[in-house]
Amino acid sequence: MIKIAFYDTKEYDKPSFERYGAPRDMQFRFLETKLNEDTAELAKGCEAVCVFVNDTVNAAVIEKLYAFGVKLIALRSAGYNNVDVRAAFGKIHVVHVPAYSPYAVAEHAIALLLTSVRRIHKAYNRTREFNFSLNGLTGFDFHGKTVGVIGTGKIGRIFIDICRGFGMRVIAYDAFPAKDSGIEYVTLEQLFAQSDIISLHCPLTDETRHMIGAEAIAKMKKGVVIVNTSRGGLIDAEALLEGIKARKVGAACLDVYEEEADIFFEDRSGHILNDDLLSRLISMPNVIVTSHQAFLTEEALNNIAETTVNNILSYFTNDGICDNELCYRCGNIERCKKERKERCF
C-alpha cells in the first residue's frame, strides 16, 4: 500500500483520484489544508505527497518532508514554479503532469475573451433584471484582428488554432520557437506593438516574471486586451491596473493572479477581501477575473488523476524512473538528458 498525503483537497479532486488510485493499491490521505512549513508534519507516515499550484514547496518544506521519509512529490499540475526543484535534488524526486487537457485551458482563454469583448457578463446581469437596453454593450469583431500569443507549447498552439478559426491574424513569441509550425514568430517588442489582443501561455520563470509590466504596456496598442490563463506572476498587477486607469489597456481577462494563493479556490463571499489590488481590479468594468478554473473540465480532472497516479506508480515500481520527472541536475528540468533510462539521483 502506497500512502500519499494529498494537500489542498477539493471535492472535485476525490472521485477521479479514488477511481484511479484504489485499484493500484494507493491510499490517499485527503487534506483540506495547503502544504507549507506548518502543515508538512501531516505527511508523516506517507511515502509521497500530492500537491497543487498554491501549495508551498520551498527548501524548508522539502527538508521537513525528507526528514519524515517522503520520497516523492507528485504535482497534479503542469506548472512547478511553486516547487524548489533545486532544493529537492538529491533528496526527494518531483514529478508533474505535463499535459492534462490543453484544450480546457485554451478554450477558457477564448471564453474569457469572448465574454469581455462582447460584454456577455454585463448583458447577462442586465437581462436578469429585465433591462434589455443595448447601450454600452458594443464590442468588436475578432475577424481581421491581430492576436499576439506568448508561449507556443500545446496550449498556446491550440489557442492559435482557435483564433485562426475566427479569421484572426496570429503572431507569436517564444524563446524556443516550434519548428515547421507555420507560426509567424516576432520579437516581444513587435508583438506588443502590433497586437490588438495579447494572450499568455508560457511558464513562470525568473526570466518571465512580470514580463507584462509598465514598460511592456507602454509599447502596446491603445485599447489592447490582455488575457492570462497561465500564471499570475507573468503580469505586474500594479502596472496592469495603472494601464487600465490610463485607458491604455482596454480590457483584462485574468484566470490567475500573482497573490492568489490565500484567496483562490476558497469561498470568500462572507469576508472582507484584504487584497486591495485584487479588489480594485475586480471593481473595474473592463476586467474579468475567474479563480484559476481554466483547467476545470471533466476530461482534465480525469487526465490529471490518471497521469498523477501513473507517475506515482512508475516511481515506486520502476526503480525510481518516471517519464514526467522534473530533474534539476541536467539543466533541462523537463527534458532530462538521461532520457529517463536511469534514476536522476
Protein backbone atom coordinates (compact mmCIF):
# COMPACT_ATOMS: atom_id res chain seq x y z
CA MET A 1 0.00 0.00 0.00
CA ILE A 2 1.45 3.34 -1.09
CA LYS A 3 0.35 6.13 1.26
CA ILE A 4 0.06 9.63 -0.19
CA ALA A 5 -0.70 12.88 1.65
CA PHE A 6 -2.99 14.82 -0.69
CA TYR A 7 -2.85 18.53 0.12
CA ASP A 8 -5.32 21.32 -0.76
CA THR A 9 -8.11 18.84 -1.47
CA LYS A 10 -11.32 19.99 -3.11
CA GLU A 11 -14.46 17.88 -3.51
CA TYR A 12 -13.94 17.63 -7.26
CA ASP A 13 -10.49 16.04 -6.69
CA LYS A 14 -11.59 12.97 -4.78
CA PRO A 15 -13.69 10.90 -7.22
CA SER A 16 -11.11 10.66 -10.01
CA PHE A 17 -8.15 10.04 -7.70
CA GLU A 18 -10.00 7.38 -5.73
CA ARG A 19 -11.10 5.75 -9.00
CA TYR A 20 -7.58 5.52 -10.41
CA GLY A 21 -5.68 5.05 -7.16
CA ALA A 22 -7.64 2.36 -5.34
CA PRO A 23 -7.08 -0.41 -7.92
CA ARG A 24 -3.34 0.35 -7.79
CA ASP A 25 -3.13 -0.15 -4.03
CA MET A 26 -2.80 3.55 -3.24
CA GLN A 27 -4.21 5.18 -0.14
CA PHE A 28 -4.76 8.92 -0.32
CA ARG A 29 -4.85 10.93 2.89
CA PHE A 30 -7.04 13.82 1.71
CA LEU A 31 -6.20 17.07 3.50
CA GLU A 32 -8.04 20.37 3.04
CA THR A 33 -5.06 22.41 4.18
CA LYS A 34 -2.34 23.62 1.84
CA LEU A 35 1.20 22.36 2.18
CA ASN A 36 3.59 24.71 3.97
CA GLU A 37 6.15 24.58 6.78
CA ASP A 38 3.42 24.28 9.42
CA THR A 39 1.44 21.51 7.69
CA ALA A 40 4.32 19.39 6.35
CA GLU A 41 4.07 17.28 9.50
CA LEU A 42 0.72 15.92 8.29
CA ALA A 43 2.69 13.88 5.74
CA LYS A 44 4.30 11.74 8.45
CA GLY A 45 3.91 8.06 7.61
CA CYS A 46 3.40 8.75 3.89
CA GLU A 47 5.79 7.82 1.09
CA ALA A 48 4.61 10.62 -1.19
CA VAL A 49 2.77 13.95 -1.18
CA CYS A 50 0.44 15.19 -3.90
CA VAL A 51 0.36 18.99 -4.27
CA PHE A 52 -1.30 21.67 -6.37
CA VAL A 53 -0.37 25.13 -7.68
CA ASN A 54 -0.78 27.11 -4.44
CA ASP A 55 0.99 24.68 -2.12
CA THR A 56 4.34 25.95 -0.86
CA VAL A 57 7.15 23.51 -1.59
CA ASN A 58 10.23 25.56 -0.75
CA ALA A 59 13.56 24.39 0.64
CA ALA A 60 12.33 24.42 4.25
CA VAL A 61 9.27 22.32 3.41
CA ILE A 62 11.37 19.90 1.38
CA GLU A 63 13.76 19.44 4.33
CA LYS A 64 10.84 18.58 6.59
CA LEU A 65 9.30 16.15 4.12
CA TYR A 66 12.68 14.50 3.59
CA ALA A 67 13.11 14.09 7.36
CA PHE A 68 9.69 12.42 7.54
CA GLY A 69 10.74 9.87 4.92
CA VAL A 70 8.77 11.27 1.97
CA LYS A 71 10.35 10.05 -1.27
CA LEU A 72 8.18 11.67 -3.93
CA ILE A 73 6.46 15.00 -4.57
CA ALA A 74 3.71 14.48 -7.17
CA LEU A 75 2.38 17.69 -8.70
CA ARG A 76 -1.13 17.43 -10.09
CA SER A 77 -0.38 20.34 -12.42
CA ALA A 78 1.92 21.18 -15.30
CA GLY A 79 3.50 24.25 -13.70
CA TYR A 80 6.09 23.81 -10.97
CA ASN A 81 7.14 27.36 -10.09
CA ASN A 82 5.95 26.73 -6.50
CA VAL A 83 8.49 23.89 -6.05
CA ASP A 84 12.18 24.46 -5.33
CA VAL A 85 13.37 21.76 -7.71
CA ARG A 86 16.99 22.59 -6.93
CA ALA A 87 16.47 22.05 -3.19
CA ALA A 88 14.67 18.76 -3.89
CA PHE A 89 17.52 17.34 -5.98
CA GLY A 90 19.30 14.52 -4.18
CA LYS A 91 16.56 14.21 -1.57
CA ILE A 92 13.05 13.92 -2.98
CA HIS A 93 12.02 13.18 -6.56
CA VAL A 94 9.50 15.54 -8.20
CA VAL A 95 7.02 14.60 -10.95
CA HIS A 96 4.35 16.63 -12.72
CA VAL A 97 1.52 16.37 -15.26
CA PRO A 98 2.94 17.98 -18.42
CA ALA A 99 -0.30 17.90 -20.44
CA TYR A 100 -3.67 17.10 -18.90
CA SER A 101 -6.04 18.95 -21.23
CA PRO A 102 -4.55 21.80 -23.21
CA TYR A 103 -7.97 22.21 -24.84
CA ALA A 104 -9.54 23.10 -21.48
CA VAL A 105 -7.16 26.00 -20.84
CA ALA A 106 -7.15 27.29 -24.43
CA GLU A 107 -10.95 27.16 -24.60
CA HIS A 108 -11.28 29.01 -21.29
CA ALA A 109 -8.98 31.75 -22.60
CA ILE A 110 -11.28 32.15 -25.61
CA ALA A 111 -14.35 32.08 -23.35
CA LEU A 112 -12.96 34.90 -21.24
CA LEU A 113 -12.04 36.85 -24.35
CA LEU A 114 -15.47 36.47 -25.97
CA THR A 115 -17.22 37.34 -22.72
CA SER A 116 -15.17 40.50 -22.33
CA VAL A 117 -15.22 41.72 -25.93
CA ARG A 118 -18.95 41.09 -26.47
CA ARG A 119 -19.94 42.21 -22.94
CA ILE A 120 -21.73 38.92 -22.26
CA HIS A 121 -21.34 39.25 -18.49
CA LYS A 122 -22.93 42.70 -18.50
CA ALA A 123 -25.80 41.61 -20.76
CA TYR A 124 -26.46 38.58 -18.52
CA ASN A 125 -26.73 40.76 -15.42
CA ARG A 126 -28.99 43.27 -17.20
CA THR A 127 -31.50 40.81 -18.58
CA ARG A 128 -31.89 39.12 -15.20
CA GLU A 129 -33.29 42.48 -14.06
CA PHE A 130 -35.41 42.75 -17.24
CA ASN A 131 -33.16 45.51 -18.60
CA PHE A 132 -32.95 44.86 -22.34
CA SER A 133 -31.10 48.03 -23.31
CA LEU A 134 -28.06 47.60 -25.59
CA ASN A 135 -26.38 50.84 -24.54
CA GLY A 136 -22.76 50.26 -23.56
CA LEU A 137 -22.64 46.70 -24.91
CA THR A 138 -20.87 47.39 -28.22
CA GLY A 139 -17.96 45.03 -28.83
CA PHE A 140 -15.69 44.36 -31.79
CA ASP A 141 -15.20 41.60 -34.37
CA PHE A 142 -12.42 39.08 -33.88
CA HIS A 143 -12.16 38.69 -37.64
CA GLY A 144 -9.20 40.64 -39.01
CA LYS A 145 -7.75 41.49 -35.60
CA THR A 146 -4.16 40.63 -34.65
CA VAL A 147 -3.65 38.38 -31.63
CA GLY A 148 -0.21 38.05 -30.08
CA VAL A 149 0.44 34.71 -28.37
CA ILE A 150 3.30 34.49 -25.88
CA GLY A 151 4.27 30.84 -25.49
CA THR A 152 3.60 28.26 -28.20
CA GLY A 153 3.52 25.00 -26.31
CA LYS A 154 0.49 22.71 -26.58
CA ILE A 155 -1.93 25.18 -25.02
CA GLY A 156 -0.62 28.12 -27.00
CA ARG A 157 -0.86 26.26 -30.29
CA ILE A 158 -4.43 25.12 -29.63
CA PHE A 159 -5.32 28.71 -28.76
CA ILE A 160 -3.71 29.77 -32.05
CA ASP A 161 -5.81 27.24 -34.00
CA ILE A 162 -8.99 28.58 -32.41
CA CYS A 163 -8.02 32.17 -33.20
CA ARG A 164 -7.33 31.26 -36.81
CA GLY A 165 -10.83 29.81 -36.97
CA PHE A 166 -12.16 33.27 -36.14
CA GLY A 167 -10.18 34.73 -39.02
CA MET A 168 -7.63 36.46 -36.85
CA ARG A 169 -4.03 37.17 -37.78
CA VAL A 170 -1.76 35.36 -35.31
CA ILE A 171 1.75 36.42 -34.34
CA ALA A 172 3.73 34.76 -31.57
CA TYR A 173 6.78 34.96 -29.37
CA ASP A 174 8.57 32.01 -27.79
CA ALA A 175 12.12 31.68 -26.51
CA PHE A 176 12.15 28.29 -28.23
CA PRO A 177 10.08 28.61 -31.45
CA ALA A 178 8.32 25.50 -32.70
CA LYS A 179 9.99 24.37 -35.91
CA ASP A 180 7.93 23.85 -39.06
CA SER A 181 4.79 25.02 -37.23
CA GLY A 182 3.67 27.65 -39.70
CA ILE A 183 3.52 30.16 -36.85
CA GLU A 184 4.63 33.73 -37.56
CA TYR A 185 7.20 34.45 -34.85
CA VAL A 186 8.16 38.02 -33.97
CA THR A 187 10.12 39.76 -31.22
CA LEU A 188 8.35 40.70 -28.00
CA GLU A 189 8.58 44.37 -28.94
CA GLN A 190 6.92 43.68 -32.29
CA LEU A 191 4.23 41.59 -30.62
CA PHE A 192 3.46 44.37 -28.13
CA ALA A 193 3.27 46.99 -30.87
CA GLN A 194 1.13 45.06 -33.34
CA SER A 195 -1.34 43.08 -31.22
CA ASP A 196 -4.96 44.01 -30.58
CA ILE A 197 -5.14 41.08 -28.15
CA ILE A 198 -2.28 39.50 -26.17
CA SER A 199 -2.67 36.06 -24.60
CA LEU A 200 -0.13 34.50 -22.24
CA HIS A 201 0.61 30.77 -22.45
CA CYS A 202 4.14 30.49 -21.07
CA PRO A 203 5.56 29.16 -17.78
CA LEU A 204 6.54 31.39 -14.88
CA THR A 205 10.32 31.57 -14.50
CA ASP A 206 12.79 34.16 -13.26
CA GLU A 207 13.01 35.38 -16.86
CA THR A 208 9.26 35.68 -17.46
CA ARG A 209 8.19 37.11 -14.09
CA HIS A 210 6.44 40.47 -14.66
CA MET A 211 7.09 40.28 -18.39
CA ILE A 212 3.92 42.35 -18.67
CA GLY A 213 4.85 45.44 -16.69
CA ALA A 214 4.78 49.20 -17.11
CA GLU A 215 7.50 49.18 -19.77
CA ALA A 216 5.78 46.47 -21.82
CA ILE A 217 2.34 48.09 -21.52
CA ALA A 218 3.78 51.40 -22.76
CA LYS A 219 4.76 49.64 -26.01
CA MET A 220 1.29 48.19 -26.60
CA LYS A 221 -1.57 49.50 -28.73
CA LYS A 222 -4.08 51.74 -27.03
CA GLY A 223 -7.08 49.58 -26.09
CA VAL A 224 -5.17 46.27 -26.08
CA VAL A 225 -6.93 43.29 -24.46
CA ILE A 226 -4.71 41.15 -22.22
CA VAL A 227 -5.58 37.53 -21.41
CA ASN A 228 -3.75 35.44 -18.80
CA THR A 229 -4.62 31.80 -18.10
CA SER A 230 -1.04 30.75 -17.24
CA ARG A 231 0.50 32.13 -14.03
CA GLY A 232 -0.32 35.34 -12.21
CA GLY A 233 3.31 36.33 -11.78
CA LEU A 234 3.66 36.91 -15.51
CA ILE A 235 1.84 40.22 -15.02
CA ASP A 236 2.75 43.08 -12.71
CA ALA A 237 -0.75 43.66 -11.38
CA GLU A 238 0.02 47.21 -10.20
CA ALA A 239 1.24 48.14 -13.67
CA LEU A 240 -1.82 46.48 -15.23
CA LEU A 241 -4.15 48.49 -13.01
CA GLU A 242 -2.35 51.72 -13.92
CA GLY A 243 -2.59 50.77 -17.61
CA ILE A 244 -6.34 50.26 -17.25
CA LYS A 245 -6.82 53.55 -15.40
CA ALA A 246 -4.80 55.37 -18.10
CA ARG A 247 -7.10 53.84 -20.77
CA LYS A 248 -4.06 52.19 -22.37
CA VAL A 249 -5.33 48.68 -21.60
CA GLY A 250 -8.82 48.24 -22.99
CA ALA A 251 -9.65 45.08 -21.05
CA ALA A 252 -8.05 42.34 -18.96
CA CYS A 253 -9.19 38.72 -18.72
CA LEU A 254 -7.48 37.00 -15.79
CA ASP A 255 -7.81 33.42 -14.60
CA VAL A 256 -4.72 33.79 -12.42
CA TYR A 257 -3.35 36.40 -10.02
CA GLU A 258 0.10 36.73 -8.50
CA GLU A 259 -1.09 36.74 -4.89
CA GLU A 260 -3.87 34.19 -5.36
CA ALA A 261 -2.52 31.53 -3.00
CA ASP A 262 -4.59 32.54 0.03
CA ILE A 263 -7.63 33.70 -1.96
CA PHE A 264 -8.46 31.50 -4.93
CA PHE A 265 -10.25 28.14 -4.57
CA GLU A 266 -12.00 29.36 -1.39
CA ASP A 267 -15.40 30.96 -0.70
CA ARG A 268 -14.62 34.49 0.48
CA SER A 269 -18.11 35.88 -0.12
CA GLY A 270 -18.78 36.46 3.57
CA HIS A 271 -15.49 38.20 4.24
CA ILE A 272 -13.79 41.49 3.51
CA LEU A 273 -11.10 40.91 0.89
CA ASN A 274 -7.80 42.10 2.32
CA ASP A 275 -6.10 42.29 -1.05
CA ASP A 276 -6.76 45.89 -2.12
CA LEU A 277 -5.15 45.44 -5.52
CA LEU A 278 -7.33 42.48 -6.46
CA SER A 279 -10.41 44.30 -5.15
CA ARG A 280 -9.62 47.28 -7.36
CA LEU A 281 -9.04 45.08 -10.40
CA ILE A 282 -12.33 43.22 -9.90
CA SER A 283 -14.15 46.55 -9.50
CA MET A 284 -13.04 47.69 -12.95
CA PRO A 285 -15.84 47.35 -15.57
CA ASN A 286 -13.40 46.06 -18.19
CA VAL A 287 -11.76 43.36 -16.06
CA ILE A 288 -12.96 39.75 -15.79
CA VAL A 289 -11.45 37.53 -13.10
CA THR A 290 -12.04 33.81 -12.70
CA SER A 291 -10.38 31.87 -9.89
CA HIS A 292 -7.84 29.66 -11.69
CA GLN A 293 -10.55 27.47 -13.20
CA ALA A 294 -9.25 27.15 -16.78
CA PHE A 295 -8.24 23.53 -16.10
CA LEU A 296 -11.59 22.56 -14.59
CA THR A 297 -13.26 20.17 -17.02
CA GLU A 298 -14.26 16.55 -16.52
CA GLU A 299 -11.71 15.48 -19.12
CA ALA A 300 -8.90 17.43 -17.48
CA LEU A 301 -9.67 16.15 -13.97
CA ASN A 302 -9.63 12.56 -15.22
CA ASN A 303 -6.38 13.08 -17.12
CA ILE A 304 -4.73 14.76 -14.13
CA ALA A 305 -5.69 11.91 -11.81
CA GLU A 306 -4.70 9.18 -14.24
CA THR A 307 -1.32 10.73 -15.04
CA THR A 308 -0.54 11.56 -11.41
CA VAL A 309 -1.39 8.03 -10.27
CA ASN A 310 0.72 6.58 -13.09
CA ASN A 311 3.60 8.88 -12.12
CA ILE A 312 3.47 7.65 -8.54
CA LEU A 313 3.18 4.03 -9.62
CA SER A 314 6.06 4.40 -12.07
CA TYR A 315 8.34 5.80 -9.39
CA PHE A 316 7.59 3.11 -6.81
CA THR A 317 7.60 0.14 -9.22
CA ASN A 318 10.15 1.19 -11.85
CA ASP A 319 13.26 1.72 -9.74
CA GLY A 320 12.51 5.43 -9.30
CA ILE A 321 12.34 6.17 -13.02
CA CYS A 322 9.43 8.26 -14.29
CA ASP A 323 8.97 9.92 -17.68
CA ASN A 324 7.46 13.00 -16.07
CA GLU A 325 10.17 13.67 -13.50
CA LEU A 326 11.50 17.20 -13.04
CA CYS A 327 15.26 16.80 -12.74
CA TYR A 328 17.47 19.72 -11.73
CA ARG A 329 20.85 18.14 -12.42
CA CYS A 330 20.62 18.07 -16.21
CA GLY A 331 19.90 21.78 -16.52
CA ASN A 332 16.90 20.99 -18.67
CA ILE A 333 14.32 20.31 -16.00
CA GLU A 334 11.53 18.88 -18.14
CA ARG A 335 13.66 17.22 -20.80
CA CYS A 336 16.26 15.24 -18.94
CA LYS A 337 19.36 14.38 -20.98
CA LYS A 338 19.34 10.93 -19.40
CA GLU A 339 16.13 10.27 -21.37
CA ARG A 340 14.57 8.65 -18.31
CA LYS A 341 16.60 5.48 -18.70
CA GLU A 342 18.07 5.69 -15.23
CA ARG A 343 17.42 7.43 -11.93
CA CYS A 344 18.23 11.13 -11.79
CA PHE A 345 19.87 10.53 -8.40
